């Protein structure tokens, strides 16, 4: 994944395999947003996609030694959205991505990440929770690359998607590429529907099915947004977007 692409790629490129190219075309080319966090400093950015306009963001983040950075994403627009993120971590740096994607209608919500551990002792966490309804599509394509010599790396991807209708689609590709020893890297990925057993349990305790479904989805999405500086605002917007899907 490279920044400042002059020509819109085709589906033959892995990072665009599931993209809504028709929605991206009017917004192309995309200017890279570059974020540099000096050694020992902290930073945080929140990206919100809402409304009826398509969105494309291309974000490159460089973290100095011991720097900490959090990126929170709420993608809940009526039109398609794509957010591409590239991160390079130096020694002891920490990166956290919390992303919630909610797609209905014919919209595609997509997050593409490339997290590079370039030096020892860095930590990265990616938590992505996605919900698709109607003919909506949610995509996550994420790679964690541990370069040679980046011993002590701790990288994790937690990716889960919920489909509310049989016509909805979820695509996920978490990937690890490791060239160092003594590392702790893991990824977990699951795509499914709401737990029928949990819904039955809640119904047995007097909760109407629609309320039980709503509460379960709210809790599911809330995992990705926990810890954001503006968490209350994000959670409120996520709940409103879920109501629209239901």
Protein backbone atom coordinates (compact mmCIF):
# COMPACT_ATOMS: atom_id res chain seq x y z
CA UNK A 1 0.00 0.00 0.00
CA UNK A 2 1.56 3.27 -1.11
CA UNK A 3 0.53 6.89 -0.68
CA UNK A 4 -0.33 9.55 -3.27
CA UNK A 5 -1.39 7.13 -6.00
CA UNK A 6 -2.04 9.19 -9.13
CA UNK A 7 -4.14 6.54 -10.85
CA UNK A 8 -6.92 4.61 -9.16
CA UNK A 9 -5.75 1.00 -8.79
CA UNK A 10 -7.71 -1.94 -10.09
CA UNK A 11 -8.98 -5.00 -8.24
CA UNK A 12 -5.85 -6.84 -9.31
CA UNK A 13 -4.06 -5.03 -6.47
CA UNK A 14 -4.58 -6.88 -3.21
CA UNK A 15 -5.46 -3.81 -1.13
CA UNK A 16 -8.24 -2.89 -3.58
CA UNK A 17 -9.68 -6.37 -4.14
CA UNK A 18 -12.98 -5.57 -2.40
CA UNK A 19 -13.03 -1.76 -2.76
CA UNK A 20 -15.99 0.19 -4.16
CA UNK A 21 -14.01 1.58 -7.10
CA UNK A 22 -16.98 3.46 -8.56
CA UNK A 23 -17.34 5.43 -5.32
CA UNK A 24 -13.59 6.07 -5.07
CA UNK A 25 -13.07 7.26 -8.64
CA UNK A 26 -14.52 10.82 -8.25
CA UNK A 27 -12.34 11.38 -5.16
CA UNK A 28 -9.08 10.16 -6.69
CA UNK A 29 -6.16 10.92 -6.38
CA UNK A 30 -5.96 11.17 -2.60
CA UNK A 31 -3.47 13.35 -0.77
CA UNK A 32 -1.61 11.59 2.01
CA UNK A 33 -2.12 12.95 5.53
CA UNK A 34 1.18 12.59 7.35
CA UNK A 35 1.40 12.47 11.14
CA UNK A 36 4.75 12.48 12.93
CA UNK A 37 4.90 11.85 16.68
CA UNK A 38 8.39 12.63 18.05
CA UNK A 39 10.15 10.34 20.48
CA UNK A 40 8.46 10.12 23.86
CA UNK A 41 5.40 12.16 22.87
CA UNK A 42 1.75 11.15 22.56
CA UNK A 43 -1.02 11.89 20.09
CA UNK A 44 -4.53 10.89 19.08
CA UNK A 45 -6.78 11.42 16.07
CA UNK A 46 -10.44 10.56 15.47
CA UNK A 47 -11.91 10.05 12.00
CA UNK A 48 -15.69 10.08 11.58
CA UNK A 49 -17.45 9.28 8.32
CA UNK A 50 -21.14 10.15 8.32
CA UNK A 51 -23.68 11.68 5.98
CA UNK A 52 -24.34 11.00 2.30
CA UNK A 53 -20.92 11.77 0.80
CA UNK A 54 -18.25 9.17 0.05
CA UNK A 55 -14.97 9.46 1.94
CA UNK A 56 -11.38 8.44 1.20
CA UNK A 57 -8.54 9.04 3.67
CA UNK A 58 -4.89 8.07 3.33
CA UNK A 59 -3.02 8.43 6.64
CA UNK A 60 0.70 7.81 7.25
CA UNK A 61 1.90 7.80 10.85
CA UNK A 62 5.54 7.82 12.00
CA UNK A 63 6.13 7.09 15.69
CA UNK A 64 9.48 7.92 17.26
CA UNK A 65 11.07 5.86 20.02
CA UNK A 66 8.71 5.55 22.97
CA UNK A 67 5.96 7.56 21.26
CA UNK A 68 2.30 6.65 21.73
CA UNK A 69 -0.53 7.23 19.28
CA UNK A 70 -4.21 6.26 19.11
CA UNK A 71 -6.41 6.37 16.02
CA UNK A 72 -10.17 5.95 16.40
CA UNK A 73 -12.45 5.49 13.41
CA UNK A 74 -16.23 5.53 13.13
CA UNK A 75 -17.31 4.78 9.58
CA UNK A 76 -21.08 5.05 9.37
CA UNK A 77 -21.79 7.01 6.20
CA UNK A 78 -24.67 6.38 3.84
CA UNK A 79 -22.11 6.26 1.01
CA UNK A 80 -18.94 4.21 0.74
CA UNK A 81 -15.82 5.05 2.71
CA UNK A 82 -12.21 3.85 2.61
CA UNK A 83 -9.57 4.65 5.21
CA UNK A 84 -6.01 3.51 4.55
CA UNK A 85 -3.49 3.69 7.39
CA UNK A 86 0.27 3.09 7.36
CA UNK A 87 2.21 3.14 10.62
CA UNK A 88 5.95 2.83 11.32
CA UNK A 89 6.92 2.19 14.95
CA UNK A 90 10.40 2.82 16.31
CA UNK A 91 11.78 1.26 19.51
CA UNK A 92 9.26 1.05 22.34
CA UNK A 93 6.54 2.94 20.44
CA UNK A 94 2.86 2.09 20.96
CA UNK A 95 0.04 2.28 18.43
CA UNK A 96 -3.67 1.61 18.97
CA UNK A 97 -6.41 1.47 16.33
CA UNK A 98 -10.04 1.26 17.40
CA UNK A 99 -12.43 1.17 14.46
CA UNK A 100 -16.19 0.66 14.11
CA UNK A 101 -17.68 0.18 10.65
CA UNK A 102 -21.43 0.26 10.02
CA UNK A 103 -22.63 -0.24 6.45
CA UNK A 104 -26.15 -0.47 5.08
CA UNK A 105 -27.86 0.00 1.72
CA UNK A 106 -25.24 -0.49 -1.01
CA UNK A 107 -22.42 1.19 0.91
CA UNK A 108 -18.96 -0.26 1.43
CA UNK A 109 -17.00 0.58 4.57
CA UNK A 110 -13.33 -0.33 4.28
CA UNK A 111 -10.23 -0.08 6.45
CA UNK A 112 -6.79 -1.03 5.11
CA UNK A 113 -3.80 -1.01 7.45
CA UNK A 114 -0.08 -1.68 7.26
CA UNK A 115 1.68 -1.56 10.63
CA UNK A 116 5.47 -1.85 10.48
CA UNK A 117 7.45 -2.70 13.60
CA UNK A 118 10.83 -1.31 12.56
CA UNK A 119 12.68 -1.56 15.90
CA UNK A 120 12.59 -3.61 19.12
CA UNK A 121 9.97 -3.48 21.86
CA UNK A 122 7.10 -1.73 20.05
CA UNK A 123 3.45 -2.58 20.69
CA UNK A 124 0.49 -2.37 18.30
CA UNK A 125 -3.17 -3.14 18.85
CA UNK A 126 -5.94 -3.13 16.24
CA UNK A 127 -9.55 -3.62 17.31
CA UNK A 128 -12.07 -3.56 14.46
CA UNK A 129 -15.80 -4.20 14.88
CA UNK A 130 -18.04 -4.13 11.82
CA UNK A 131 -21.79 -4.44 11.21
CA UNK A 132 -23.36 -4.82 7.75
CA UNK A 133 -27.04 -4.79 6.80
CA UNK A 134 -29.00 -4.80 3.55
CA UNK A 135 -26.49 -5.06 0.70
CA UNK A 136 -23.81 -3.30 2.71
CA UNK A 137 -20.21 -4.49 2.69
CA UNK A 138 -17.56 -4.17 5.42
CA UNK A 139 -13.89 -4.79 4.63
CA UNK A 140 -10.75 -5.03 6.73
CA UNK A 141 -7.38 -5.74 5.13
CA UNK A 142 -4.58 -5.41 7.64
CA UNK A 143 -0.92 -6.40 7.73
CA UNK A 144 1.52 -6.36 10.63
CA UNK A 145 5.12 -6.45 9.41
CA UNK A 146 7.89 -7.18 11.92
CA UNK A 147 11.22 -6.24 10.39
CA UNK A 148 14.51 -7.98 11.05
CA UNK A 149 15.91 -6.95 14.42
CA UNK A 150 12.57 -5.82 15.85
CA UNK A 151 12.80 -8.31 18.71
CA UNK A 152 10.30 -8.02 21.55
CA UNK A 153 7.53 -6.89 19.20
CA UNK A 154 3.99 -7.25 20.55
CA UNK A 155 1.36 -6.94 17.82
CA UNK A 156 -2.27 -7.99 17.79
CA UNK A 157 -5.28 -7.74 15.47
CA UNK A 158 -8.82 -8.41 16.72
CA UNK A 159 -11.30 -8.34 13.84
CA UNK A 160 -14.98 -9.25 14.13
CA UNK A 161 -17.90 -8.61 11.80
CA UNK A 162 -21.64 -9.06 12.28
CA UNK A 163 -24.05 -9.61 9.38
CA UNK A 164 -27.66 -8.56 9.97
CA UNK A 165 -28.97 -9.78 6.61
CA UNK A 166 -28.04 -12.64 4.31
CA UNK A 167 -27.45 -10.11 1.53
CA UNK A 168 -24.75 -8.29 3.53
CA UNK A 169 -21.05 -9.06 3.05
CA UNK A 170 -17.93 -9.00 5.21
CA UNK A 171 -14.39 -9.45 3.92
CA UNK A 172 -11.44 -9.75 6.29
CA UNK A 173 -7.74 -10.39 5.72
CA UNK A 174 -5.58 -10.05 8.83
CA UNK A 175 -1.95 -10.86 8.02
CA UNK A 176 1.33 -11.25 9.89
CA UNK A 177 4.80 -11.12 8.33
CA UNK A 178 7.57 -11.72 10.87
CA UNK A 179 11.33 -11.46 10.32
CA UNK A 180 12.46 -11.28 13.96
CA UNK A 181 12.78 -13.59 16.94
CA UNK A 182 11.24 -13.34 20.39
CA UNK A 183 8.02 -11.70 19.25
CA UNK A 184 4.42 -11.90 20.41
CA UNK A 185 2.04 -11.53 17.48
CA UNK A 186 -1.51 -12.75 17.07
CA UNK A 187 -4.61 -12.15 15.05
CA UNK A 188 -8.19 -13.20 15.55
CA UNK A 189 -10.95 -12.91 12.95
CA UNK A 190 -14.61 -13.91 13.03
CA UNK A 191 -17.63 -13.20 10.82
CA UNK A 192 -21.10 -14.24 11.91
CA UNK A 193 -24.57 -13.37 13.08
CA UNK A 194 -25.99 -12.48 16.47
CA UNK A 195 -25.85 -15.36 18.92
CA UNK A 196 -29.29 -16.98 18.89
CA UNK A 197 -28.64 -18.50 22.32
CA UNK A 198 -27.85 -15.12 23.84
CA UNK A 199 -30.97 -13.61 22.29
CA UNK A 200 -33.06 -16.45 23.73
CA UNK A 201 -31.46 -15.99 27.15
CA UNK A 202 -32.34 -12.28 27.15
CA UNK A 203 -35.88 -13.01 25.93
CA UNK A 204 -36.35 -15.43 28.83
CA UNK A 205 -35.60 -12.53 31.14
CA UNK A 206 -38.26 -10.31 29.65
CA UNK A 207 -36.37 -8.32 27.02
CA UNK A 208 -38.23 -7.99 23.69
CA UNK A 209 -36.19 -9.39 20.78
CA UNK A 210 -35.61 -6.01 19.12
CA UNK A 211 -34.30 -4.45 22.33
CA UNK A 212 -32.08 -7.46 23.01
CA UNK A 213 -30.70 -7.28 19.48
CA UNK A 214 -30.03 -3.56 19.81
CA UNK A 215 -28.25 -3.95 23.14
CA UNK A 216 -26.03 -6.75 21.85
CA UNK A 217 -25.01 -4.73 18.80
CA UNK A 218 -24.30 -1.64 20.88
CA UNK A 219 -22.01 -3.64 23.16
CA UNK A 220 -20.33 -5.23 20.15
CA UNK A 221 -19.48 -1.89 18.52
CA UNK A 222 -18.56 -0.23 21.83
CA UNK A 223 -15.48 -2.48 22.13
CA UNK A 224 -13.79 -0.66 19.26
CA UNK A 225 -14.44 2.85 20.57
CA UNK A 226 -13.53 2.28 24.21
CA UNK A 227 -10.83 4.64 25.48
CA UNK A 228 -11.25 7.41 22.91
CA UNK A 229 -10.98 10.96 24.24
CA UNK A 230 -14.41 11.71 22.80
CA UNK A 231 -15.78 8.25 23.54
CA UNK A 232 -19.24 9.42 24.66
CA UNK A 233 -19.77 11.33 21.41
CA UNK A 234 -18.58 8.40 19.30
CA UNK A 235 -20.77 5.93 21.15
CA UNK A 236 -23.82 8.17 20.69
CA UNK A 237 -23.16 8.48 16.97
CA UNK A 238 -22.59 4.74 16.67
CA UNK A 239 -25.89 4.01 18.40
CA UNK A 240 -27.72 6.37 16.04
CA UNK A 241 -26.11 4.67 13.04
CA UNK A 242 -27.11 1.24 14.37
CA UNK A 243 -30.71 2.41 14.74
CA UNK A 244 -30.67 3.33 11.05
CA UNK A 245 -29.43 -0.15 10.12
CA UNK A 246 -32.07 -1.86 12.24
